[in-house]
Structure formats: C-alpha cells, structure tokens
Amino acid sequence: MKYWSRVAILSFALIIALSLALPQKAYAYIDPGTGSYLFQLLMAAVFVGIFGVRILWGKIKAFSKRLFSPQDKRDEDAG
C-alpha cells in the first residue's frame, strides 16, 4: 500500500473516531405518543415472554411425566 493511501485511511479513521467521541447537541425530544408506544412494546415483550415460559414449562412437565412413568402405563397409553 502506498504511503499516501495509508495516511488517507488513518486520517479518515481519526476524523470518524473524533466525531463519535465528542458530544454534540441533539435538539430533539420524545413526544408522549412515542413514550406510550415504547411502553406498549415493553408490555408486549413481557407477555410474550410469560406465554413462552408457560408453554415451555408444559412441554418439560409432559416430557418428565413420560420419562418417569412406569413402563406398563406407557404401553397402555400407546395402545
């Protein structure tokens, strides 16, 4: 790689790093509609998590019942 291309790449990387490191003012706000939307997303994620754990727990419970039930009872259920 030529010397000038290395200098250009390093200069570009330095400019990007400095622009990300130095704070800048962002004249912005979050309106109430956005806040309520984020709250709805959070609540939906919580309920999906609860439902997923409930389904998973049911499958684990059913698997353990099949695994630890006596052999003759498993034969009756199959036939």
PDB file of N, CA and C in Angstrom:
ATOM      1  N   MET A   1       0.848  -1.165   0.000  1.00  0.00           N
ATOM      2  CA  MET A   1       0.000   0.000   0.000  1.00  0.00           C
ATOM      3  C   MET A   1       0.900   1.237   0.000  1.00  0.00           C
ATOM      4  N   LYS A   2       0.529   2.193  -0.767  1.00  0.00           N
ATOM      5  CA  LYS A   2       1.340   3.395  -0.868  1.00  0.00           C
ATOM      6  C   LYS A   2       1.208   4.237   0.387  1.00  0.00           C
ATOM      7  N   TYR A   3       2.186   5.066   0.611  1.00  0.00           N
ATOM      8  CA  TYR A   3       2.242   5.901   1.808  1.00  0.00           C
ATOM      9  C   TYR A   3       1.037   6.817   1.906  1.00  0.00           C
ATOM     10  N   TRP A   4       0.646   7.452   0.809  1.00  0.00           N
ATOM     11  CA  TRP A   4      -0.439   8.430   0.861  1.00  0.00           C
ATOM     12  C   TRP A   4      -1.789   7.770   1.108  1.00  0.00           C
ATOM     13  N   SER A   5      -1.967   6.559   0.633  1.00  0.00           N
ATOM     14  CA  SER A   5      -3.233   5.881   0.888  1.00  0.00           C
ATOM     15  C   SER A   5      -3.328   5.473   2.364  1.00  0.00           C
ATOM     16  N   ARG A   6      -2.199   5.105   2.969  1.00  0.00           N
ATOM     17  CA  ARG A   6      -2.198   4.810   4.413  1.00  0.00           C
ATOM     18  C   ARG A   6      -2.533   6.060   5.220  1.00  0.00           C
ATOM     19  N   VAL A   7      -1.949   7.174   4.836  1.00  0.00           N
ATOM     20  CA  VAL A   7      -2.207   8.432   5.526  1.00  0.00           C
ATOM     21  C   VAL A   7      -3.679   8.810   5.379  1.00  0.00           C
ATOM     22  N   ALA A   8      -4.240   8.621   4.209  1.00  0.00           N
ATOM     23  CA  ALA A   8      -5.644   8.966   3.974  1.00  0.00           C
ATOM     24  C   ALA A   8      -6.560   8.087   4.828  1.00  0.00           C
ATOM     25  N   ILE A   9      -6.274   6.796   4.896  1.00  0.00           N
ATOM     26  CA  ILE A   9      -7.099   5.889   5.693  1.00  0.00           C
ATOM     27  C   ILE A   9      -6.987   6.228   7.174  1.00  0.00           C
ATOM     28  N   LEU A  10      -5.792   6.469   7.664  1.00  0.00           N
ATOM     29  CA  LEU A  10      -5.617   6.823   9.074  1.00  0.00           C
ATOM     30  C   LEU A  10      -6.265   8.167   9.403  1.00  0.00           C
ATOM     31  N   SER A  11      -6.180   9.120   8.495  1.00  0.00           N
ATOM     32  CA  SER A  11      -6.821  10.419   8.716  1.00  0.00           C
ATOM     33  C   SER A  11      -8.335  10.274   8.767  1.00  0.00           C
ATOM     34  N   PHE A  12      -8.878   9.487   7.867  1.00  0.00           N
ATOM     35  CA  PHE A  12     -10.312   9.248   7.850  1.00  0.00           C
ATOM     36  C   PHE A  12     -10.753   8.557   9.141  1.00  0.00           C
ATOM     37  N   ALA A  13     -10.001   7.555   9.589  1.00  0.00           N
ATOM     38  CA  ALA A  13     -10.336   6.849  10.828  1.00  0.00           C
ATOM     39  C   ALA A  13     -10.262   7.791  12.024  1.00  0.00           C
ATOM     40  N   LEU A  14      -9.290   8.691  12.058  1.00  0.00           N
ATOM     41  CA  LEU A  14      -9.158   9.648  13.143  1.00  0.00           C
ATOM     42  C   LEU A  14     -10.330  10.629  13.162  1.00  0.00           C
ATOM     43  N   ILE A  15     -10.748  11.088  12.009  1.00  0.00           N
ATOM     44  CA  ILE A  15     -11.883  12.016  11.925  1.00  0.00           C
ATOM     45  C   ILE A  15     -13.161  11.332  12.404  1.00  0.00           C
ATOM     46  N   ILE A  16     -13.384  10.087  11.998  1.00  0.00           N
ATOM     47  CA  ILE A  16     -14.572   9.344  12.431  1.00  0.00           C
ATOM     48  C   ILE A  16     -14.539   9.127  13.936  1.00  0.00           C
ATOM     49  N   ALA A  17     -13.381   8.721  14.481  1.00  0.00           N
ATOM     50  CA  ALA A  17     -13.275   8.471  15.921  1.00  0.00           C
ATOM     51  C   ALA A  17     -13.524   9.741  16.725  1.00  0.00           C
ATOM     52  N   LEU A  18     -12.979  10.868  16.280  1.00  0.00           N
ATOM     53  CA  LEU A  18     -13.196  12.125  16.995  1.00  0.00           C
ATOM     54  C   LEU A  18     -14.652  12.583  16.912  1.00  0.00           C
ATOM     55  N   SER A  19     -15.279  12.395  15.768  1.00  0.00           N
ATOM     56  CA  SER A  19     -16.673  12.827  15.649  1.00  0.00           C
ATOM     57  C   SER A  19     -17.594  11.964  16.507  1.00  0.00           C
ATOM     58  N   LEU A  20     -17.250  10.705  16.717  1.00  0.00           N
ATOM     59  CA  LEU A  20     -18.057   9.848  17.582  1.00  0.00           C
ATOM     60  C   LEU A  20     -17.763  10.086  19.063  1.00  0.00           C
ATOM     61  N   ALA A  21     -16.546  10.492  19.379  1.00  0.00           N
ATOM     62  CA  ALA A  21     -16.154  10.657  20.778  1.00  0.00           C
ATOM     63  C   ALA A  21     -16.602  11.991  21.373  1.00  0.00           C
ATOM     64  N   LEU A  22     -16.668  13.024  20.571  1.00  0.00           N
ATOM     65  CA  LEU A  22     -17.030  14.343  21.079  1.00  0.00           C
ATOM     66  C   LEU A  22     -18.546  14.502  21.104  1.00  0.00           C
ATOM     67  N   PRO A  23     -19.088  14.927  22.217  1.00  0.00           N
ATOM     68  CA  PRO A  23     -20.552  15.072  22.294  1.00  0.00           C
ATOM     69  C   PRO A  23     -21.051  16.237  21.443  1.00  0.00           C
ATOM     70  N   GLN A  24     -22.240  16.040  20.924  1.00  0.00           N
ATOM     71  CA  GLN A  24     -22.869  17.092  20.141  1.00  0.00           C
ATOM     72  C   GLN A  24     -24.287  17.277  20.658  1.00  0.00           C
ATOM     73  N   LYS A  25     -24.815  18.458  20.503  1.00  0.00           N
ATOM     74  CA  LYS A  25     -26.183  18.719  20.942  1.00  0.00           C
ATOM     75  C   LYS A  25     -27.154  18.144  19.917  1.00  0.00           C
ATOM     76  N   ALA A  26     -28.154  17.449  20.424  1.00  0.00           N
ATOM     77  CA  ALA A  26     -29.207  16.914  19.563  1.00  0.00           C
ATOM     78  C   ALA A  26     -30.503  17.577  19.979  1.00  0.00           C
ATOM     79  N   TYR A  27     -30.914  18.561  19.262  1.00  0.00           N
ATOM     80  CA  TYR A  27     -32.114  19.304  19.601  1.00  0.00           C
ATOM     81  C   TYR A  27     -33.337  18.450  19.259  1.00  0.00           C
ATOM     82  N   ALA A  28     -33.632  17.500  20.130  1.00  0.00           N
ATOM     83  CA  ALA A  28     -34.730  16.572  19.884  1.00  0.00           C
ATOM     84  C   ALA A  28     -35.460  16.297  21.189  1.00  0.00           C
ATOM     85  N   TYR A  29     -36.620  15.701  21.072  1.00  0.00           N
ATOM     86  CA  TYR A  29     -37.411  15.337  22.240  1.00  0.00           C
ATOM     87  C   TYR A  29     -38.199  14.081  21.911  1.00  0.00           C
ATOM     88  N   ILE A  30     -38.714  13.444  22.943  1.00  0.00           N
ATOM     89  CA  ILE A  30     -39.585  12.291  22.747  1.00  0.00           C
ATOM     90  C   ILE A  30     -40.991  12.727  23.121  1.00  0.00           C
ATOM     91  N   ASP A  31     -41.888  12.678  22.181  1.00  0.00           N
ATOM     92  CA  ASP A  31     -43.258  13.105  22.466  1.00  0.00           C
ATOM     93  C   ASP A  31     -44.013  12.006  23.217  1.00  0.00           C
ATOM     94  N   PRO A  32     -45.126  12.329  23.829  1.00  0.00           N
ATOM     95  CA  PRO A  32     -45.882  11.350  24.608  1.00  0.00           C
ATOM     96  C   PRO A  32     -46.334  10.141  23.792  1.00  0.00           C
ATOM     97  N   GLY A  33     -46.621  10.329  22.526  1.00  0.00           N
ATOM     98  CA  GLY A  33     -47.023   9.201  21.676  1.00  0.00           C
ATOM     99  C   GLY A  33     -45.921   8.171  21.549  1.00  0.00           C
ATOM    100  N   THR A  34     -44.687   8.637  21.417  1.00  0.00           N
ATOM    101  CA  THR A  34     -43.558   7.723  21.325  1.00  0.00           C
ATOM    102  C   THR A  34     -43.349   6.986  22.633  1.00  0.00           C
ATOM    103  N   GLY A  35     -43.519   7.697  23.742  1.00  0.00           N
ATOM    104  CA  GLY A  35     -43.365   7.056  25.047  1.00  0.00           C
ATOM    105  C   GLY A  35     -44.397   5.969  25.271  1.00  0.00           C
ATOM    106  N   SER A  36     -45.641   6.220  24.891  1.00  0.00           N
ATOM    107  CA  SER A  36     -46.675   5.201  25.072  1.00  0.00           C
ATOM    108  C   SER A  36     -46.445   4.025  24.129  1.00  0.00           C
ATOM    109  N   TYR A  37     -45.933   4.282  22.931  1.00  0.00           N
ATOM    110  CA  TYR A  37     -45.618   3.207  22.001  1.00  0.00           C
ATOM    111  C   TYR A  37     -44.507   2.318  22.561  1.00  0.00           C
ATOM    112  N   LEU A  38     -43.476   2.932  23.138  1.00  0.00           N
ATOM    113  CA  LEU A  38     -42.399   2.150  23.737  1.00  0.00           C
ATOM    114  C   LEU A  38     -42.906   1.335  24.924  1.00  0.00           C
ATOM    115  N   PHE A  39     -43.820   1.913  25.711  1.00  0.00           N
ATOM    116  CA  PHE A  39     -44.419   1.183  26.825  1.00  0.00           C
ATOM    117  C   PHE A  39     -45.211  -0.021  26.311  1.00  0.00           C
ATOM    118  N   GLN A  40     -45.956   0.137  25.218  1.00  0.00           N
ATOM    119  CA  GLN A  40     -46.699  -0.971  24.642  1.00  0.00           C
ATOM    120  C   GLN A  40     -45.772  -2.071  24.152  1.00  0.00           C
ATOM    121  N   LEU A  41     -44.663  -1.687  23.536  1.00  0.00           N
ATOM    122  CA  LEU A  41     -43.692  -2.676  23.088  1.00  0.00           C
ATOM    123  C   LEU A  41     -43.105  -3.447  24.266  1.00  0.00           C
ATOM    124  N   LEU A  42     -42.803  -2.751  25.342  1.00  0.00           N
ATOM    125  CA  LEU A  42     -42.257  -3.393  26.527  1.00  0.00           C
ATOM    126  C   LEU A  42     -43.257  -4.371  27.124  1.00  0.00           C
ATOM    127  N   MET A  43     -44.509  -3.952  27.247  1.00  0.00           N
ATOM    128  CA  MET A  43     -45.538  -4.827  27.813  1.00  0.00           C
ATOM    129  C   MET A  43     -45.779  -6.044  26.921  1.00  0.00           C
ATOM    130  N   ALA A  44     -45.771  -5.854  25.618  1.00  0.00           N
ATOM    131  CA  ALA A  44     -45.941  -6.983  24.703  1.00  0.00           C
ATOM    132  C   ALA A  44     -44.797  -7.977  24.850  1.00  0.00           C
ATOM    133  N   ALA A  45     -43.575  -7.472  24.994  1.00  0.00           N
ATOM    134  CA  ALA A  45     -42.426  -8.364  25.172  1.00  0.00           C
ATOM    135  C   ALA A  45     -42.540  -9.148  26.474  1.00  0.00           C
ATOM    136  N   VAL A  46     -43.007  -8.510  27.534  1.00  0.00           N
ATOM    137  CA  VAL A  46     -43.180  -9.190  28.824  1.00  0.00           C
ATOM    138  C   VAL A  46     -44.214 -10.298  28.695  1.00  0.00           C
ATOM    139  N   PHE A  47     -45.355 -10.007  28.075  1.00  0.00           N
ATOM    140  CA  PHE A  47     -46.409 -11.010  27.947  1.00  0.00           C
ATOM    141  C   PHE A  47     -46.003 -12.156  27.029  1.00  0.00           C
ATOM    142  N   VAL A  48     -45.278 -11.861  25.971  1.00  0.00           N
ATOM    143  CA  VAL A  48     -44.778 -12.925  25.097  1.00  0.00           C
ATOM    144  C   VAL A  48     -43.798 -13.807  25.862  1.00  0.00           C
ATOM    145  N   GLY A  49     -42.952 -13.198  26.682  1.00  0.00           N
ATOM    146  CA  GLY A  49     -42.021 -13.979  27.493  1.00  0.00           C
ATOM    147  C   GLY A  49     -42.741 -14.879  28.483  1.00  0.00           C
ATOM    148  N   ILE A  50     -43.765 -14.350  29.138  1.00  0.00           N
ATOM    149  CA  ILE A  50     -44.532 -15.155  30.094  1.00  0.00           C
ATOM    150  C   ILE A  50     -45.212 -16.317  29.374  1.00  0.00           C
ATOM    151  N   PHE A  51     -45.820 -16.054  28.228  1.00  0.00           N
ATOM    152  CA  PHE A  51     -46.503 -17.094  27.473  1.00  0.00           C
ATOM    153  C   PHE A  51     -45.502 -18.155  27.002  1.00  0.00           C
ATOM    154  N   GLY A  52     -44.338 -17.725  26.541  1.00  0.00           N
ATOM    155  CA  GLY A  52     -43.316 -18.670  26.084  1.00  0.00           C
ATOM    156  C   GLY A  52     -42.823 -19.567  27.205  1.00  0.00           C
ATOM    157  N   VAL A  53     -42.616 -18.992  28.384  1.00  0.00           N
ATOM    158  CA  VAL A  53     -42.171 -19.791  29.529  1.00  0.00           C
ATOM    159  C   VAL A  53     -43.257 -20.778  29.931  1.00  0.00           C
ATOM    160  N   ARG A  54     -44.517 -20.347  29.869  1.00  0.00           N
ATOM    161  CA  ARG A  54     -45.627 -21.229  30.227  1.00  0.00           C
ATOM    162  C   ARG A  54     -45.704 -22.430  29.276  1.00  0.00           C
ATOM    163  N   ILE A  55     -45.572 -22.186  27.987  1.00  0.00           N
ATOM    164  CA  ILE A  55     -45.600 -23.262  27.002  1.00  0.00           C
ATOM    165  C   ILE A  55     -44.407 -24.196  27.201  1.00  0.00           C
ATOM    166  N   LEU A  56     -43.236 -23.625  27.387  1.00  0.00           N
ATOM    167  CA  LEU A  56     -42.031 -24.426  27.581  1.00  0.00           C
ATOM    168  C   LEU A  56     -42.134 -25.268  28.849  1.00  0.00           C
ATOM    169  N   TRP A  57     -42.662 -24.691  29.923  1.00  0.00           N
ATOM    170  CA  TRP A  57     -42.806 -25.430  31.176  1.00  0.00           C
ATOM    171  C   TRP A  57     -43.765 -26.608  31.005  1.00  0.00           C
ATOM    172  N   GLY A  58     -44.839 -26.417  30.249  1.00  0.00           N
ATOM    173  CA  GLY A  58     -45.776 -27.502  29.982  1.00  0.00           C
ATOM    174  C   GLY A  58     -45.116 -28.640  29.221  1.00  0.00           C
ATOM    175  N   LYS A  59     -44.273 -28.308  28.250  1.00  0.00           N
ATOM    176  CA  LYS A  59     -43.573 -29.340  27.485  1.00  0.00           C
ATOM    177  C   LYS A  59     -42.567 -30.083  28.360  1.00  0.00           C
ATOM    178  N   ILE A  60     -41.862 -29.368  29.233  1.00  0.00           N
ATOM    179  CA  ILE A  60     -40.912 -30.013  30.140  1.00  0.00           C
ATOM    180  C   ILE A  60     -41.641 -30.933  31.097  1.00  0.00           C
ATOM    181  N   LYS A  61     -42.781 -30.482  31.592  1.00  0.00           N
ATOM    182  CA  LYS A  61     -43.576 -31.278  32.526  1.00  0.00           C
ATOM    183  C   LYS A  61     -44.092 -32.554  31.851  1.00  0.00           C
ATOM    184  N   ALA A  62     -44.604 -32.443  30.644  1.00  0.00           N
ATOM    185  CA  ALA A  62     -45.098 -33.605  29.912  1.00  0.00           C
ATOM    186  C   ALA A  62     -43.968 -34.582  29.606  1.00  0.00           C
ATOM    187  N   PHE A  63     -42.809 -34.073  29.243  1.00  0.00           N
ATOM    188  CA  PHE A  63     -41.660 -34.931  28.958  1.00  0.00           C
ATOM    189  C   PHE A  63     -41.215 -35.679  30.204  1.00  0.00           C
ATOM    190  N   SER A  64     -41.173 -34.986  31.324  1.00  0.00           N
ATOM    191  CA  SER A  64     -40.735 -35.656  32.558  1.00  0.00           C
ATOM    192  C   SER A  64     -41.760 -36.700  33.006  1.00  0.00           C
ATOM    193  N   LYS A  65     -43.066 -36.465  32.788  1.00  0.00           N
ATOM    194  CA  LYS A  65     -44.080 -37.471  33.116  1.00  0.00           C
ATOM    195  C   LYS A  65     -43.890 -38.715  32.272  1.00  0.00           C
ATOM    196  N   ARG A  66     -43.628 -38.536  30.970  1.00  0.00           N
ATOM    197  CA  ARG A  66     -43.400 -39.689  30.100  1.00  0.00           C
ATOM    198  C   ARG A  66     -42.117 -40.412  30.468  1.00  0.00           C
ATOM    199  N   LEU A  67     -41.115 -39.667  30.867  1.00  0.00           N
ATOM    200  CA  LEU A  67     -39.813 -40.256  31.172  1.00  0.00           C
ATOM    201  C   LEU A  67     -39.850 -41.070  32.460  1.00  0.00           C
ATOM    202  N   PHE A  68     -40.567 -40.577  33.464  1.00  0.00           N
ATOM    203  CA  PHE A  68     -40.550 -41.220  34.773  1.00  0.00           C
ATOM    204  C   PHE A  68     -41.785 -42.067  35.068  1.00  0.00           C
ATOM    205  N   SER A  69     -42.681 -42.229  34.097  1.00  0.00           N
ATOM    206  CA  SER A  69     -43.847 -43.072  34.349  1.00  0.00           C
ATOM    207  C   SER A  69     -43.444 -44.549  34.193  1.00  0.00           C
ATOM    208  N   PRO A  70     -44.161 -45.477  34.853  1.00  0.00           N
ATOM    209  CA  PRO A  70     -43.832 -46.900  34.735  1.00  0.00           C
ATOM    210  C   PRO A  70     -44.010 -47.395  33.303  1.00  0.00           C
ATOM    211  N   GLN A  71     -43.268 -48.447  32.957  1.00  0.00           N
ATOM    212  CA  GLN A  71     -43.274 -48.977  31.590  1.00  0.00           C
ATOM    213  C   GLN A  71     -44.654 -49.490  31.187  1.00  0.00           C
ATOM    214  N   ASP A  72     -45.363 -50.186  32.080  1.00  0.00           N
ATOM    215  CA  ASP A  72     -46.660 -50.742  31.718  1.00  0.00           C
ATOM    216  C   ASP A  72     -47.697 -49.649  31.437  1.00  0.00           C
ATOM    217  N   LYS A  73     -47.596 -48.516  32.141  1.00  0.00           N
ATOM    218  CA  LYS A  73     -48.521 -47.411  31.897  1.00  0.00           C
ATOM    219  C   LYS A  73     -48.241 -46.779  30.538  1.00  0.00           C
ATOM    220  N   ARG A  74     -46.981 -46.722  30.132  1.00  0.00           N
ATOM    221  CA  ARG A  74     -46.632 -46.182  28.827  1.00  0.00           C
ATOM    222  C   ARG A  74     -47.166 -47.095  27.721  1.00  0.00           C
ATOM    223  N   ASP A  75     -47.144 -48.408  27.947  1.00  0.00           N
ATOM    224  CA  ASP A  75     -47.685 -49.338  26.949  1.00  0.00           C
ATOM    225  C   ASP A  75     -49.186 -49.167  26.792  1.00  0.00           C
ATOM    226  N   GLU A  76     -49.892 -48.917  27.900  1.00  0.00           N
ATOM    227  CA  GLU A  76     -51.344 -48.702  27.855  1.00  0.00           C
ATOM    228  C   GLU A  76     -51.670 -47.419  27.087  1.00  0.00           C
ATOM    229  N   ASP A  77     -50.867 -46.365  27.306  1.00  0.00           N
ATOM    230  CA  ASP A  77     -51.120 -45.100  26.621  1.00  0.00           C
ATOM    231  C   ASP A  77     -50.868 -45.217  25.128  1.00  0.00           C
ATOM    232  N   ALA A  78     -49.913 -46.026  24.722  1.00  0.00           N
ATOM    233  CA  ALA A  78     -49.563 -46.163  23.314  1.00  0.00           C
ATOM    234  C   ALA A  78     -50.594 -47.009  22.567  1.00  0.00           C
ATOM    235  N   GLY A  79     -51.204 -47.973  23.243  1.00  0.00           N
ATOM    236  CA  GLY A  79     -52.055 -48.923  22.529  1.00  0.00           C
ATOM    237  C   GLY A  79     -53.468 -48.732  22.740  1.00  0.00           C
TER     238      GLY A  79
END
